[in-house]
Amino acid sequence: MIKYESIIYGSQSDRAFIVEVPELPGCMANGQTYVEAVTNAKVVISEWIETAQELGRDIPTLKGRLLYA
């Protein structure tokens, strides 16, 4: 599994956890628990990459960890 940076946060209004994958435009997942959200994100990342490959689109390379913020 290729590991992309993920941003995970809680949504009070939805009572769920949201996972965004900034390096893959539009790639997001959610879940009722932290573990469920991360598990769903792994599936969505794989599907995002698979779809991009089928469409002949570039797959972003991992940027790695930020050295500063």
N, C-alpha and C. Protein backbone atom coordinates (compact mmCIF):
# COMPACT_ATOMS: atom_id res chain seq x y z
N MET A 1 0.85 -1.18 0.00
CA MET A 1 0.00 0.00 0.00
C MET A 1 0.88 1.23 0.00
N ILE A 2 0.65 2.11 -0.95
CA ILE A 2 1.36 3.38 -0.99
C ILE A 2 0.74 4.28 0.07
N LYS A 3 1.57 4.95 0.83
CA LYS A 3 1.07 5.76 1.93
C LYS A 3 1.20 7.25 1.60
N TYR A 4 0.07 7.89 1.50
CA TYR A 4 0.02 9.32 1.25
C TYR A 4 -0.33 10.04 2.55
N GLU A 5 0.10 11.29 2.62
CA GLU A 5 -0.23 12.11 3.79
C GLU A 5 -1.76 12.17 3.92
N SER A 6 -2.24 12.01 5.13
CA SER A 6 -3.67 12.07 5.39
C SER A 6 -3.95 13.03 6.53
N ILE A 7 -5.00 13.78 6.39
CA ILE A 7 -5.44 14.69 7.44
C ILE A 7 -6.73 14.10 8.01
N ILE A 8 -6.73 13.88 9.32
CA ILE A 8 -7.87 13.24 9.98
C ILE A 8 -8.45 14.21 11.01
N TYR A 9 -9.74 14.40 10.94
CA TYR A 9 -10.38 15.27 11.93
C TYR A 9 -11.79 14.78 12.22
N GLY A 10 -12.29 15.21 13.35
CA GLY A 10 -13.65 14.83 13.75
C GLY A 10 -14.65 15.86 13.30
N SER A 11 -15.84 15.41 12.98
CA SER A 11 -16.93 16.30 12.61
C SER A 11 -18.03 16.17 13.65
N GLN A 12 -18.23 17.22 14.43
CA GLN A 12 -19.26 17.19 15.47
C GLN A 12 -20.65 17.03 14.87
N SER A 13 -20.91 17.76 13.79
CA SER A 13 -22.27 17.72 13.22
C SER A 13 -22.61 16.34 12.64
N ASP A 14 -21.61 15.64 12.09
CA ASP A 14 -21.85 14.32 11.52
C ASP A 14 -21.56 13.19 12.50
N ARG A 15 -20.92 13.54 13.61
CA ARG A 15 -20.49 12.53 14.58
C ARG A 15 -19.68 11.43 13.89
N ALA A 16 -18.71 11.90 13.10
CA ALA A 16 -17.88 10.98 12.32
C ALA A 16 -16.46 11.53 12.24
N PHE A 17 -15.56 10.70 11.78
CA PHE A 17 -14.20 11.11 11.49
C PHE A 17 -14.06 11.24 9.98
N ILE A 18 -13.36 12.27 9.54
CA ILE A 18 -13.14 12.54 8.13
C ILE A 18 -11.65 12.39 7.85
N VAL A 19 -11.31 11.77 6.72
CA VAL A 19 -9.92 11.64 6.29
C VAL A 19 -9.80 12.28 4.92
N GLU A 20 -8.90 13.27 4.80
CA GLU A 20 -8.61 13.89 3.51
C GLU A 20 -7.21 13.49 3.09
N VAL A 21 -7.02 13.28 1.80
CA VAL A 21 -5.72 12.92 1.25
C VAL A 21 -5.35 14.03 0.26
N PRO A 22 -4.66 15.08 0.73
CA PRO A 22 -4.42 16.27 -0.09
C PRO A 22 -3.67 16.02 -1.40
N GLU A 23 -2.80 15.04 -1.43
CA GLU A 23 -2.01 14.79 -2.64
C GLU A 23 -2.82 14.12 -3.75
N LEU A 24 -4.00 13.61 -3.42
CA LEU A 24 -4.88 12.97 -4.40
C LEU A 24 -6.18 13.78 -4.45
N PRO A 25 -6.29 14.70 -5.40
CA PRO A 25 -7.45 15.61 -5.44
C PRO A 25 -8.79 14.88 -5.35
N GLY A 26 -9.61 15.35 -4.42
CA GLY A 26 -10.94 14.79 -4.23
C GLY A 26 -10.99 13.49 -3.44
N CYS A 27 -9.85 13.03 -2.96
CA CYS A 27 -9.79 11.75 -2.25
C CYS A 27 -10.10 11.98 -0.77
N MET A 28 -11.26 11.48 -0.35
CA MET A 28 -11.71 11.63 1.04
C MET A 28 -12.46 10.38 1.47
N ALA A 29 -12.51 10.16 2.76
CA ALA A 29 -13.29 9.05 3.32
C ALA A 29 -13.78 9.46 4.70
N ASN A 30 -14.72 8.70 5.22
CA ASN A 30 -15.19 8.96 6.57
C ASN A 30 -15.53 7.65 7.24
N GLY A 31 -15.83 7.74 8.53
CA GLY A 31 -16.23 6.57 9.30
C GLY A 31 -16.73 7.00 10.66
N GLN A 32 -17.49 6.15 11.30
CA GLN A 32 -18.03 6.47 12.62
C GLN A 32 -16.96 6.43 13.71
N THR A 33 -15.87 5.69 13.46
CA THR A 33 -14.74 5.65 14.39
C THR A 33 -13.47 6.02 13.63
N TYR A 34 -12.43 6.34 14.39
CA TYR A 34 -11.13 6.67 13.80
C TYR A 34 -10.63 5.51 12.93
N VAL A 35 -10.69 4.31 13.47
CA VAL A 35 -10.19 3.12 12.75
C VAL A 35 -11.01 2.89 11.48
N GLU A 36 -12.30 3.03 11.57
CA GLU A 36 -13.15 2.84 10.39
C GLU A 36 -12.82 3.87 9.32
N ALA A 37 -12.62 5.12 9.71
CA ALA A 37 -12.30 6.16 8.75
C ALA A 37 -10.97 5.90 8.05
N VAL A 38 -9.96 5.50 8.81
CA VAL A 38 -8.65 5.20 8.22
C VAL A 38 -8.73 3.97 7.31
N THR A 39 -9.46 2.96 7.72
CA THR A 39 -9.65 1.77 6.89
C THR A 39 -10.34 2.13 5.59
N ASN A 40 -11.38 2.95 5.66
CA ASN A 40 -12.08 3.39 4.46
C ASN A 40 -11.17 4.22 3.57
N ALA A 41 -10.31 5.03 4.17
CA ALA A 41 -9.38 5.86 3.39
C ALA A 41 -8.41 4.99 2.60
N LYS A 42 -7.94 3.90 3.19
CA LYS A 42 -7.03 3.00 2.47
C LYS A 42 -7.71 2.44 1.22
N VAL A 43 -8.98 2.09 1.34
CA VAL A 43 -9.72 1.57 0.19
C VAL A 43 -9.87 2.65 -0.88
N VAL A 44 -10.23 3.85 -0.45
CA VAL A 44 -10.45 4.95 -1.39
C VAL A 44 -9.14 5.34 -2.09
N ILE A 45 -8.03 5.33 -1.37
CA ILE A 45 -6.73 5.62 -2.00
C ILE A 45 -6.45 4.60 -3.09
N SER A 46 -6.63 3.34 -2.81
CA SER A 46 -6.41 2.29 -3.81
C SER A 46 -7.31 2.49 -5.03
N GLU A 47 -8.57 2.79 -4.78
CA GLU A 47 -9.51 2.99 -5.87
C GLU A 47 -9.16 4.24 -6.68
N TRP A 48 -8.71 5.30 -6.00
CA TRP A 48 -8.31 6.53 -6.68
C TRP A 48 -7.16 6.24 -7.64
N ILE A 49 -6.15 5.51 -7.15
CA ILE A 49 -4.98 5.18 -7.97
C ILE A 49 -5.39 4.28 -9.14
N GLU A 50 -6.21 3.28 -8.87
CA GLU A 50 -6.67 2.36 -9.91
C GLU A 50 -7.42 3.11 -11.01
N THR A 51 -8.30 4.00 -10.62
CA THR A 51 -9.08 4.78 -11.60
C THR A 51 -8.17 5.68 -12.41
N ALA A 52 -7.23 6.35 -11.75
CA ALA A 52 -6.30 7.22 -12.47
C ALA A 52 -5.49 6.42 -13.49
N GLN A 53 -5.05 5.23 -13.12
CA GLN A 53 -4.30 4.38 -14.05
C GLN A 53 -5.16 3.99 -15.25
N GLU A 54 -6.40 3.62 -15.00
CA GLU A 54 -7.31 3.23 -16.08
C GLU A 54 -7.56 4.39 -17.04
N LEU A 55 -7.57 5.61 -16.52
CA LEU A 55 -7.81 6.79 -17.35
C LEU A 55 -6.52 7.36 -17.95
N GLY A 56 -5.39 6.75 -17.62
CA GLY A 56 -4.11 7.21 -18.15
C GLY A 56 -3.61 8.49 -17.50
N ARG A 57 -4.06 8.77 -16.31
CA ARG A 57 -3.65 9.99 -15.60
C ARG A 57 -2.42 9.72 -14.74
N ASP A 58 -1.68 10.78 -14.47
CA ASP A 58 -0.50 10.67 -13.62
C ASP A 58 -0.88 10.37 -12.18
N ILE A 59 -0.07 9.55 -11.55
CA ILE A 59 -0.24 9.26 -10.12
C ILE A 59 0.77 10.13 -9.38
N PRO A 60 0.31 10.99 -8.47
CA PRO A 60 1.25 11.85 -7.75
C PRO A 60 2.27 11.02 -6.96
N THR A 61 3.51 11.48 -6.96
CA THR A 61 4.53 10.82 -6.17
C THR A 61 4.40 11.30 -4.73
N LEU A 62 4.84 10.48 -3.83
CA LEU A 62 4.78 10.85 -2.41
C LEU A 62 5.68 12.05 -2.16
N LYS A 63 5.15 13.04 -1.49
CA LYS A 63 5.94 14.22 -1.16
C LYS A 63 6.72 14.01 0.13
N GLY A 64 6.27 13.09 0.92
CA GLY A 64 6.96 12.86 2.19
C GLY A 64 6.57 13.87 3.24
N ARG A 65 7.28 13.79 4.29
CA ARG A 65 6.98 14.62 5.46
C ARG A 65 7.47 16.05 5.27
N LEU A 66 6.68 17.01 5.74
CA LEU A 66 7.10 18.41 5.70
C LEU A 66 8.26 18.63 6.66
N LEU A 67 9.22 19.41 6.22
CA LEU A 67 10.36 19.72 7.09
C LEU A 67 10.09 20.94 7.96
N TYR A 68 9.08 21.69 7.60
CA TYR A 68 8.72 22.88 8.36
C TYR A 68 7.23 23.13 8.21
N ALA A 69 6.70 23.94 9.11
CA ALA A 69 5.28 24.28 9.00
C ALA A 69 5.07 25.75 9.18
